[in-house]
Amino acid sequence: MDKKILFIGGDKRQYYAARTLRENGFDVYMYGFEKLRDNDIPELDDFYSADIIVLPITGLRGGVVPAYYSDKEIKLNESILSGKLVIMGKADTLDTEKCRARDLLKREDFALANALPSAEGAVQVAMENYDGTISGAKALAIGYGRIGAALVKMLNALNAEVTVASRKEIKCYSSVFTSEIDNLSGYDIVFNTADALIIDENVLNNSDNKTLIIDLSSRGGVDFEAAEKLGFKAIHALGLPGKCSPKAAGEIICDAILKVLKEEYGWQRRI
């Protein structure tokens, strides 16, 4: 496929995705990674010359591309993106209708594959911040979507005492309804994957502040201000695949990009 692919900004996930594509014969370039050591992918600062632009999974922030390995402020205007295929996450943060934006986070295949490194990252955060062992710990997992299901399976394999909180009854595990959560007492670790404010000030006021809280939701399911005031250790653990397993997460992004290219250009994958 004779298309120039430019990755702009992001974290190590973007680098590994770009490297995998380039190793398999694609014309791939990067911008916004000058501080990443051992980056062997050529830089391209002529955005207009690219046919396909890949932006971070985290989306844009106020029109600015987050670039964790650059000191540059990267802004994209409509003329740069006009007519191009743009592959990213959170495409609703892209303020233009002149490009063909494809949101990886809305793809079921990507979400399913990405659940595993997200769950592994959550367990890693717990191990780093909980003074006990996961084995034997009493854990509450709020939300039983793709990430929640993967997380519960891992916690169960590690011999944690797992309770699942969901809108529906989960028959294969001890479960409660999210609407019934009025305190966190009795749990050593609470993981939230639900994109709704579940752990609010009222719940926290009724809870023992020795409980470790790990929130994986992008919108935030925890009142962090109240948690800090009440002495809880509450961690908003975002972007875990990029932090904990960037190579695997990058390969998942690469695979999703390949599927988008096939859908857009009728191209057959090489990897």
C-alpha atoms as a PDB file:
ATOM      1  CA  MET A   1       0.000   0.000   0.000  1.00  0.00           C
ATOM      2  CA  ASP A   2       1.623   3.235  -1.179  1.00  0.00           C
ATOM      3  CA  LYS A   3       0.504   5.533   1.624  1.00  0.00           C
ATOM      4  CA  LYS A   4       2.638   7.657   3.942  1.00  0.00           C
ATOM      5  CA  ILE A   5       1.641   7.038   7.581  1.00  0.00           C
ATOM      6  CA  LEU A   6       2.555   9.632  10.211  1.00  0.00           C
ATOM      7  CA  PHE A   7       2.249   9.007  13.956  1.00  0.00           C
ATOM      8  CA  ILE A   8       1.954  12.294  15.865  1.00  0.00           C
ATOM      9  CA  GLY A   9       2.420  12.357  19.631  1.00  0.00           C
ATOM     10  CA  GLY A  10       1.341   9.854  22.241  1.00  0.00           C
ATOM     11  CA  ASP A  11       3.289   7.449  24.424  1.00  0.00           C
ATOM     12  CA  LYS A  12       5.299   4.271  23.877  1.00  0.00           C
ATOM     13  CA  ARG A  13       2.231   2.454  22.557  1.00  0.00           C
ATOM     14  CA  GLN A  14       2.372   4.678  19.479  1.00  0.00           C
ATOM     15  CA  TYR A  15       6.068   3.967  19.033  1.00  0.00           C
ATOM     16  CA  TYR A  16       5.643   0.186  19.140  1.00  0.00           C
ATOM     17  CA  ALA A  17       2.667   0.350  16.785  1.00  0.00           C
ATOM     18  CA  ALA A  18       4.679   2.473  14.340  1.00  0.00           C
ATOM     19  CA  ARG A  19       7.721   0.209  14.613  1.00  0.00           C
ATOM     20  CA  THR A  20       5.668  -2.917  13.887  1.00  0.00           C
ATOM     21  CA  LEU A  21       4.123  -1.313  10.811  1.00  0.00           C
ATOM     22  CA  ARG A  22       7.502  -0.076   9.564  1.00  0.00           C
ATOM     23  CA  GLU A  23       9.157  -3.480  10.102  1.00  0.00           C
ATOM     24  CA  ASN A  24       6.516  -4.955   7.821  1.00  0.00           C
ATOM     25  CA  GLY A  25       7.162  -2.655   4.900  1.00  0.00           C
ATOM     26  CA  PHE A  26       4.910   0.344   5.530  1.00  0.00           C
ATOM     27  CA  ASP A  27       6.099   3.898   4.884  1.00  0.00           C
ATOM     28  CA  VAL A  28       5.937   5.108   8.503  1.00  0.00           C
ATOM     29  CA  TYR A  29       7.149   8.310  10.173  1.00  0.00           C
ATOM     30  CA  MET A  30       6.807   9.920  13.592  1.00  0.00           C
ATOM     31  CA  TYR A  31       6.655  13.394  15.086  1.00  0.00           C
ATOM     32  CA  GLY A  32       6.841  14.382  18.736  1.00  0.00           C
ATOM     33  CA  PHE A  33       9.164  11.617  19.937  1.00  0.00           C
ATOM     34  CA  GLU A  34      12.547  13.327  19.936  1.00  0.00           C
ATOM     35  CA  LYS A  35      13.074  12.553  23.651  1.00  0.00           C
ATOM     36  CA  LEU A  36      12.410   8.840  23.252  1.00  0.00           C
ATOM     37  CA  ARG A  37      15.730   7.048  23.458  1.00  0.00           C
ATOM     38  CA  ASP A  38      16.483   4.479  20.741  1.00  0.00           C
ATOM     39  CA  ASN A  39      13.714   5.753  18.459  1.00  0.00           C
ATOM     40  CA  ASP A  40      14.895   4.610  15.020  1.00  0.00           C
ATOM     41  CA  ILE A  41      11.831   5.774  13.075  1.00  0.00           C
ATOM     42  CA  PRO A  42      12.452   8.868  10.909  1.00  0.00           C
ATOM     43  CA  GLU A  43      10.839  12.140  11.891  1.00  0.00           C
ATOM     44  CA  LEU A  44       8.533  13.992   9.525  1.00  0.00           C
ATOM     45  CA  ASP A  45       7.548  17.569  10.287  1.00  0.00           C
ATOM     46  CA  ASP A  46       5.710  18.140   6.997  1.00  0.00           C
ATOM     47  CA  PHE A  47       2.273  17.036   8.153  1.00  0.00           C
ATOM     48  CA  TYR A  48       0.723  17.962   4.807  1.00  0.00           C
ATOM     49  CA  SER A  49       2.723  15.267   2.988  1.00  0.00           C
ATOM     50  CA  ALA A  50       1.208  12.436   5.048  1.00  0.00           C
ATOM     51  CA  ASP A  51      -1.726  10.438   3.690  1.00  0.00           C
ATOM     52  CA  ILE A  52      -2.705   8.870   7.013  1.00  0.00           C
ATOM     53  CA  ILE A  53      -2.255  10.425  10.452  1.00  0.00           C
ATOM     54  CA  VAL A  54      -2.311   8.361  13.641  1.00  0.00           C
ATOM     55  CA  LEU A  55      -3.050  10.306  16.830  1.00  0.00           C
ATOM     56  CA  PRO A  56      -2.937   9.089  20.446  1.00  0.00           C
ATOM     57  CA  ILE A  57      -5.504   6.701  21.903  1.00  0.00           C
ATOM     58  CA  THR A  58      -6.096   9.308  24.626  1.00  0.00           C
ATOM     59  CA  GLY A  59      -7.389  11.826  22.081  1.00  0.00           C
ATOM     60  CA  LEU A  60      -6.591  15.538  22.000  1.00  0.00           C
ATOM     61  CA  ARG A  61      -6.623  17.926  24.946  1.00  0.00           C
ATOM     62  CA  GLY A  62      -7.994  21.329  24.111  1.00  0.00           C
ATOM     63  CA  GLY A  63      -6.914  20.931  20.503  1.00  0.00           C
ATOM     64  CA  VAL A  64      -3.364  19.964  21.514  1.00  0.00           C
ATOM     65  CA  VAL A  65      -1.863  16.538  20.765  1.00  0.00           C
ATOM     66  CA  PRO A  66      -0.440  15.010  23.972  1.00  0.00           C
ATOM     67  CA  ALA A  67       3.212  14.167  23.315  1.00  0.00           C
ATOM     68  CA  TYR A  68       4.929  12.544  26.278  1.00  0.00           C
ATOM     69  CA  TYR A  69       8.331  12.427  24.602  1.00  0.00           C
ATOM     70  CA  SER A  70       8.454  15.982  23.327  1.00  0.00           C
ATOM     71  CA  ASP A  71       8.607  19.500  24.714  1.00  0.00           C
ATOM     72  CA  LYS A  72       6.791  20.853  21.662  1.00  0.00           C
ATOM     73  CA  GLU A  73       3.187  21.999  21.713  1.00  0.00           C
ATOM     74  CA  ILE A  74       1.566  20.226  18.798  1.00  0.00           C
ATOM     75  CA  LYS A  75      -1.615  21.726  17.365  1.00  0.00           C
ATOM     76  CA  LEU A  76      -3.370  20.521  14.235  1.00  0.00           C
ATOM     77  CA  ASN A  77      -5.511  22.783  12.098  1.00  0.00           C
ATOM     78  CA  GLU A  78      -8.241  21.798   9.657  1.00  0.00           C
ATOM     79  CA  SER A  79      -6.121  22.409   6.569  1.00  0.00           C
ATOM     80  CA  ILE A  80      -3.541  19.843   7.741  1.00  0.00           C
ATOM     81  CA  LEU A  81      -6.159  17.162   8.312  1.00  0.00           C
ATOM     82  CA  SER A  82      -8.442  17.964   5.395  1.00  0.00           C
ATOM     83  CA  GLY A  83      -9.180  14.870   3.325  1.00  0.00           C
ATOM     84  CA  LYS A  84      -6.859  12.619   5.350  1.00  0.00           C
ATOM     85  CA  LEU A  85      -7.634   9.388   7.137  1.00  0.00           C
ATOM     86  CA  VAL A  86      -7.089  10.056  10.864  1.00  0.00           C
ATOM     87  CA  ILE A  87      -6.862   7.052  13.210  1.00  0.00           C
ATOM     88  CA  MET A  88      -7.050   7.747  16.934  1.00  0.00           C
ATOM     89  CA  GLY A  89      -8.929   7.269  20.181  1.00  0.00           C
ATOM     90  CA  LYS A  90     -11.629   9.641  21.444  1.00  0.00           C
ATOM     91  CA  ALA A  91     -12.239  11.067  17.991  1.00  0.00           C
ATOM     92  CA  ASP A  92     -14.827  13.435  19.437  1.00  0.00           C
ATOM     93  CA  THR A  93     -11.911  15.515  20.777  1.00  0.00           C
ATOM     94  CA  LEU A  94     -10.906  16.293  17.177  1.00  0.00           C
ATOM     95  CA  ASP A  95     -12.509  19.592  16.201  1.00  0.00           C
ATOM     96  CA  THR A  96     -12.916  19.112  12.463  1.00  0.00           C
ATOM     97  CA  GLU A  97     -15.252  17.405  10.032  1.00  0.00           C
ATOM     98  CA  LYS A  98     -12.907  17.749   7.061  1.00  0.00           C
ATOM     99  CA  CYS A  99     -11.062  14.480   7.673  1.00  0.00           C
ATOM    100  CA  ARG A 100     -12.104  10.816   7.855  1.00  0.00           C
ATOM    101  CA  ALA A 101     -11.662  10.142  11.572  1.00  0.00           C
ATOM    102  CA  ARG A 102     -11.728   6.533  12.761  1.00  0.00           C
ATOM    103  CA  ASP A 103     -12.037   5.997  16.521  1.00  0.00           C
ATOM    104  CA  LEU A 104     -10.298   2.813  17.686  1.00  0.00           C
ATOM    105  CA  LEU A 105     -11.989   2.976  21.081  1.00  0.00           C
ATOM    106  CA  LYS A 106     -15.343   2.401  19.405  1.00  0.00           C
ATOM    107  CA  ARG A 107     -14.168  -0.837  17.813  1.00  0.00           C
ATOM    108  CA  GLU A 108     -15.264  -3.986  19.612  1.00  0.00           C
ATOM    109  CA  ASP A 109     -12.210  -5.949  18.423  1.00  0.00           C
ATOM    110  CA  PHE A 110      -9.845  -3.310  19.803  1.00  0.00           C
ATOM    111  CA  ALA A 111     -11.716  -3.001  23.103  1.00  0.00           C
ATOM    112  CA  LEU A 112     -11.634  -6.757  23.661  1.00  0.00           C
ATOM    113  CA  ALA A 113      -7.912  -7.016  22.923  1.00  0.00           C
ATOM    114  CA  ASN A 114      -7.070  -3.942  25.006  1.00  0.00           C
ATOM    115  CA  ALA A 115      -8.921  -5.254  28.066  1.00  0.00           C
ATOM    116  CA  LEU A 116      -6.144  -7.720  28.933  1.00  0.00           C
ATOM    117  CA  PRO A 117      -3.245  -5.222  29.299  1.00  0.00           C
ATOM    118  CA  SER A 118      -5.610  -2.834  31.109  1.00  0.00           C
ATOM    119  CA  ALA A 119      -6.511  -5.523  33.632  1.00  0.00           C
ATOM    120  CA  GLU A 120      -2.885  -6.587  34.053  1.00  0.00           C
ATOM    121  CA  GLY A 121      -1.960  -2.960  34.658  1.00  0.00           C
ATOM    122  CA  ALA A 122      -4.632  -2.637  37.341  1.00  0.00           C
ATOM    123  CA  VAL A 123      -3.266  -5.689  39.146  1.00  0.00           C
ATOM    124  CA  GLN A 124       0.252  -4.219  38.908  1.00  0.00           C
ATOM    125  CA  VAL A 125      -0.944  -0.939  40.439  1.00  0.00           C
ATOM    126  CA  ALA A 126      -2.567  -2.900  43.257  1.00  0.00           C
ATOM    127  CA  MET A 127       0.612  -4.886  43.921  1.00  0.00           C
ATOM    128  CA  GLU A 128       2.654  -1.659  44.050  1.00  0.00           C
ATOM    129  CA  ASN A 129       0.302   0.134  46.423  1.00  0.00           C
ATOM    130  CA  TYR A 130      -1.245  -2.549  48.650  1.00  0.00           C
ATOM    131  CA  ASP A 131       0.826  -3.637  51.641  1.00  0.00           C
ATOM    132  CA  GLY A 132      -0.534  -7.161  51.640  1.00  0.00           C
ATOM    133  CA  THR A 133      -0.681  -9.838  48.966  1.00  0.00           C
ATOM    134  CA  ILE A 134      -3.358 -10.077  46.306  1.00  0.00           C
ATOM    135  CA  SER A 135      -3.810 -13.674  47.356  1.00  0.00           C
ATOM    136  CA  GLY A 136      -6.342 -13.627  50.156  1.00  0.00           C
ATOM    137  CA  ALA A 137      -7.157  -9.938  49.742  1.00  0.00           C
ATOM    138  CA  LYS A 138     -10.821  -8.981  49.750  1.00  0.00           C
ATOM    139  CA  ALA A 139     -11.403  -7.173  46.472  1.00  0.00           C
ATOM    140  CA  LEU A 140     -14.427  -5.410  45.030  1.00  0.00           C
ATOM    141  CA  ALA A 141     -14.536  -4.967  41.250  1.00  0.00           C
ATOM    142  CA  ILE A 142     -17.108  -2.387  40.169  1.00  0.00           C
ATOM    143  CA  GLY A 143     -18.270  -2.888  36.588  1.00  0.00           C
ATOM    144  CA  TYR A 144     -18.321  -6.106  34.590  1.00  0.00           C
ATOM    145  CA  GLY A 145     -17.640  -4.941  31.076  1.00  0.00           C
ATOM    146  CA  ARG A 146     -14.673  -6.061  28.994  1.00  0.00           C
ATOM    147  CA  ILE A 147     -11.995  -4.744  31.374  1.00  0.00           C
ATOM    148  CA  GLY A 148     -13.947  -5.665  34.500  1.00  0.00           C
ATOM    149  CA  ALA A 149     -14.445  -9.240  33.347  1.00  0.00           C
ATOM    150  CA  ALA A 150     -10.739  -9.651  32.521  1.00  0.00           C
ATOM    151  CA  LEU A 151      -9.752  -8.108  35.845  1.00  0.00           C
ATOM    152  CA  VAL A 152     -12.066 -10.345  37.888  1.00  0.00           C
ATOM    153  CA  LYS A 153     -10.698 -13.426  36.140  1.00  0.00           C
ATOM    154  CA  MET A 154      -7.114 -12.405  37.005  1.00  0.00           C
ATOM    155  CA  LEU A 155      -7.932 -11.579  40.614  1.00  0.00           C
ATOM    156  CA  ASN A 156      -9.688 -14.911  40.999  1.00  0.00           C
ATOM    157  CA  ALA A 157      -6.654 -16.712  39.530  1.00  0.00           C
ATOM    158  CA  LEU A 158      -4.458 -14.911  42.094  1.00  0.00           C
ATOM    159  CA  ASN A 159      -6.684 -16.301  44.855  1.00  0.00           C
ATOM    160  CA  ALA A 160      -8.230 -12.985  45.868  1.00  0.00           C
ATOM    161  CA  GLU A 161     -11.669 -13.018  47.483  1.00  0.00           C
ATOM    162  CA  VAL A 162     -13.515 -11.232  44.689  1.00  0.00           C
ATOM    163  CA  THR A 163     -16.919  -9.584  44.768  1.00  0.00           C
ATOM    164  CA  VAL A 164     -18.325  -8.129  41.553  1.00  0.00           C
ATOM    165  CA  ALA A 165     -20.551  -5.047  41.564  1.00  0.00           C
ATOM    166  CA  SER A 166     -22.698  -4.738  38.460  1.00  0.00           C
ATOM    167  CA  ARG A 167     -26.079  -3.513  37.283  1.00  0.00           C
ATOM    168  CA  LYS A 168     -26.959  -7.168  36.685  1.00  0.00           C
ATOM    169  CA  GLU A 169     -26.388 -10.245  38.801  1.00  0.00           C
ATOM    170  CA  ILE A 170     -23.162 -12.117  37.981  1.00  0.00           C
ATOM    171  CA  LYS A 171     -23.871 -15.729  38.864  1.00  0.00           C
ATOM    172  CA  CYS A 172     -20.356 -17.122  38.530  1.00  0.00           C
ATOM    173  CA  TYR A 173     -18.963 -14.834  41.276  1.00  0.00           C
ATOM    174  CA  SER A 174     -20.100 -13.330  44.530  1.00  0.00           C
ATOM    175  CA  SER A 175     -21.913 -10.200  43.401  1.00  0.00           C
ATOM    176  CA  VAL A 176     -23.811  -7.111  44.499  1.00  0.00           C
ATOM    177  CA  PHE A 177     -25.716  -4.497  42.542  1.00  0.00           C
ATOM    178  CA  THR A 178     -23.898  -1.195  42.038  1.00  0.00           C
ATOM    179  CA  SER A 179     -27.008   0.620  43.255  1.00  0.00           C
ATOM    180  CA  GLU A 180     -26.587  -1.130  46.613  1.00  0.00           C
ATOM    181  CA  ILE A 181     -23.051   0.111  47.289  1.00  0.00           C
ATOM    182  CA  ASP A 182     -23.256   2.434  50.291  1.00  0.00           C
ATOM    183  CA  ASN A 183     -19.811   1.769  51.801  1.00  0.00           C
ATOM    184  CA  LEU A 184     -16.493   0.032  51.083  1.00  0.00           C
ATOM    185  CA  SER A 185     -15.880  -1.374  54.544  1.00  0.00           C
ATOM    186  CA  GLY A 186     -14.568  -4.917  54.578  1.00  0.00           C
ATOM    187  CA  TYR A 187     -12.708  -4.602  51.269  1.00  0.00           C
ATOM    188  CA  ASP A 188      -8.932  -4.318  51.079  1.00  0.00           C
ATOM    189  CA  ILE A 189      -8.909  -3.137  47.462  1.00  0.00           C
ATOM    190  CA  VAL A 190     -11.655  -1.621  45.330  1.00  0.00           C
ATOM    191  CA  PHE A 191     -11.283  -1.436  41.555  1.00  0.00           C
ATOM    192  CA  ASN A 192     -13.696   0.736  39.585  1.00  0.00           C
ATOM    193  CA  THR A 193     -14.149   0.269  35.830  1.00  0.00           C
ATOM    194  CA  ALA A 194     -17.589   1.893  35.545  1.00  0.00           C
ATOM    195  CA  ASP A 195     -17.846   5.285  33.824  1.00  0.00           C
ATOM    196  CA  ALA A 196     -20.148   6.703  36.465  1.00  0.00           C
ATOM    197  CA  LEU A 197     -19.657   8.294  39.883  1.00  0.00           C
ATOM    198  CA  ILE A 198     -20.144   5.261  42.103  1.00  0.00           C
ATOM    199  CA  ILE A 199     -17.768   6.038  44.981  1.00  0.00           C
ATOM    200  CA  ASP A 200     -19.084   9.424  46.031  1.00  0.00           C
ATOM    201  CA  GLU A 201     -18.647  11.379  49.246  1.00  0.00           C
ATOM    202  CA  ASN A 202     -21.500   9.574  50.970  1.00  0.00           C
ATOM    203  CA  VAL A 203     -20.005   6.148  50.248  1.00  0.00           C
ATOM    204  CA  LEU A 204     -16.586   7.324  51.409  1.00  0.00           C
ATOM    205  CA  ASN A 205     -17.961   8.848  54.607  1.00  0.00           C
ATOM    206  CA  ASN A 206     -19.396   5.443  55.526  1.00  0.00           C
ATOM    207  CA  SER A 207     -16.177   3.564  54.722  1.00  0.00           C
ATOM    208  CA  ASP A 208     -12.925   2.617  56.381  1.00  0.00           C
ATOM    209  CA  ASN A 209     -10.143   4.714  54.838  1.00  0.00           C
ATOM    210  CA  LYS A 210      -7.756   1.766  54.936  1.00  0.00           C
ATOM    211  CA  THR A 211      -9.319   0.530  51.674  1.00  0.00           C
ATOM    212  CA  LEU A 212      -7.148   1.082  48.598  1.00  0.00           C
ATOM    213  CA  ILE A 213      -9.170   2.522  45.697  1.00  0.00           C
ATOM    214  CA  ILE A 214      -8.048   2.130  42.067  1.00  0.00           C
ATOM    215  CA  ASP A 215     -10.172   3.860  39.435  1.00  0.00           C
ATOM    216  CA  LEU A 216      -9.674   2.788  35.818  1.00  0.00           C
ATOM    217  CA  SER A 217     -12.549   4.776  34.324  1.00  0.00           C
ATOM    218  CA  SER A 218     -11.718   7.669  32.020  1.00  0.00           C
ATOM    219  CA  ARG A 219     -14.585   9.808  33.300  1.00  0.00           C
ATOM    220  CA  GLY A 220     -13.827   9.076  36.934  1.00  0.00           C
ATOM    221  CA  GLY A 221     -15.981   6.936  39.180  1.00  0.00           C
ATOM    222  CA  VAL A 222     -14.515   8.286  42.421  1.00  0.00           C
ATOM    223  CA  ASP A 223     -14.877  11.601  44.236  1.00  0.00           C
ATOM    224  CA  PHE A 224     -11.124  12.112  44.549  1.00  0.00           C
ATOM    225  CA  GLU A 225     -11.431  15.383  46.439  1.00  0.00           C
ATOM    226  CA  ALA A 226     -13.531  13.722  49.142  1.00  0.00           C
ATOM    227  CA  ALA A 227     -11.216  10.688  49.162  1.00  0.00           C
ATOM    228  CA  GLU A 228      -8.180  12.880  49.809  1.00  0.00           C
ATOM    229  CA  LYS A 229      -9.977  14.831  52.527  1.00  0.00           C
ATOM    230  CA  LEU A 230     -11.003  11.609  54.282  1.00  0.00           C
ATOM    231  CA  GLY A 231      -7.533  10.050  54.066  1.00  0.00           C
ATOM    232  CA  PHE A 232      -8.108   7.381  51.434  1.00  0.00           C
ATOM    233  CA  LYS A 233      -5.384   6.262  49.066  1.00  0.00           C
ATOM    234  CA  ALA A 234      -7.253   6.642  45.765  1.00  0.00           C
ATOM    235  CA  ILE A 235      -5.465   6.269  42.431  1.00  0.00           C
ATOM    236  CA  HIS A 236      -6.864   7.363  39.082  1.00  0.00           C
ATOM    237  CA  ALA A 237      -5.055   4.786  36.977  1.00  0.00           C
ATOM    238  CA  LEU A 238      -5.457   5.989  33.398  1.00  0.00           C
ATOM    239  CA  GLY A 239      -3.625   4.756  30.298  1.00  0.00           C
ATOM    240  CA  LEU A 240      -2.408   1.580  31.999  1.00  0.00           C
ATOM    241  CA  PRO A 241      -1.554  -0.319  28.790  1.00  0.00           C
ATOM    242  CA  GLY A 242       0.808   2.492  27.784  1.00  0.00           C
ATOM    243  CA  LYS A 243       2.468   2.557  31.187  1.00  0.00           C
ATOM    244  CA  CYS A 244       2.589  -1.121  32.111  1.00  0.00           C
ATOM    245  CA  SER A 245       2.774  -3.035  28.827  1.00  0.00           C
ATOM    246  CA  PRO A 246       3.439  -0.584  25.974  1.00  0.00           C
ATOM    247  CA  LYS A 247       4.835  -3.164  23.556  1.00  0.00           C
ATOM    248  CA  ALA A 248       1.795  -5.444  23.777  1.00  0.00           C
ATOM    249  CA  ALA A 249      -0.548  -2.451  23.736  1.00  0.00           C
ATOM    250  CA  GLY A 250       1.258  -1.039  20.696  1.00  0.00           C
ATOM    251  CA  GLU A 251       0.867  -4.305  18.825  1.00  0.00           C
ATOM    252  CA  ILE A 252      -2.866  -4.227  19.615  1.00  0.00           C
ATOM    253  CA  ILE A 253      -3.047  -0.706  18.180  1.00  0.00           C
ATOM    254  CA  CYS A 254      -1.113  -1.864  15.121  1.00  0.00           C
ATOM    255  CA  ASP A 255      -3.520  -4.733  14.537  1.00  0.00           C
ATOM    256  CA  ALA A 256      -6.487  -2.359  14.798  1.00  0.00           C
ATOM    257  CA  ILE A 257      -4.843   0.048  12.346  1.00  0.00           C
ATOM    258  CA  LEU A 258      -4.362  -2.804   9.879  1.00  0.00           C
ATOM    259  CA  LYS A 259      -8.067  -3.605  10.085  1.00  0.00           C
ATOM    260  CA  VAL A 260      -8.978   0.047   9.485  1.00  0.00           C
ATOM    261  CA  LEU A 261      -6.669   0.162   6.450  1.00  0.00           C
ATOM    262  CA  LYS A 262      -8.287  -2.950   5.039  1.00  0.00           C
ATOM    263  CA  GLU A 263     -11.746  -1.451   5.536  1.00  0.00           C
ATOM    264  CA  GLU A 264     -10.755   1.884   4.000  1.00  0.00           C
ATOM    265  CA  TYR A 265      -8.631   0.718   1.083  1.00  0.00           C
ATOM    266  CA  GLY A 266      -9.605  -2.922   0.571  1.00  0.00           C
ATOM    267  CA  TRP A 267      -6.007  -3.796   1.369  1.00  0.00           C
ATOM    268  CA  GLN A 268      -5.000  -7.297   2.507  1.00  0.00           C
ATOM    269  CA  ARG A 269      -2.885  -7.526   5.669  1.00  0.00           C
ATOM    270  CA  ARG A 270       0.726  -8.649   5.550  1.00  0.00           C
ATOM    271  CA  ILE A 271       1.342  -9.402   9.222  1.00  0.00           C
END
